[in-house]
Amino acid sequence: MDNQITHSPTMERAAFILGIISILSCTFCYFSLPAGSLAIIFASLSRGGSRRFSERAKIALALGLIGIAATIGIYGYAIYYAFHKYGTLDEIIKAYASYSGMSYEELQTLLGL
């Protein structure tokens, strides 16, 4: 048996692609967060038993982290802006109801409030 420690170029490539997808889709959290998380996992698994990351795995790890951070930052700022502009969740729902053409009561029953 050969006990060589090798890197996995396939995992590196998958992590790199998922990291790029995570950054490009950072405005869609249901796709960006899992892609960034998988990029981090695959970059970590690409080491193959070695203690060091290859250069491509380091880049993939950074891309996954940047994608997750960008998604959290964008959604965090959007929530902050909505509460800063409207004040309360009730006011946000009223504003959304006026934009969507639904009545406030219809929207509350739709949201389960």
Foldseek 3Di string as FASTA:
>chain_A
DDPDQAFAVVLLVQLQVLLVVLQVPLCPCVRNLVSLVSSLVSLVCRRRPDPDGDPSSVNSNVSSVVSVVSSCVVVVVVVVVLCVVQVDPLSSLCVVCVVVVHHSVVSCVVVVD
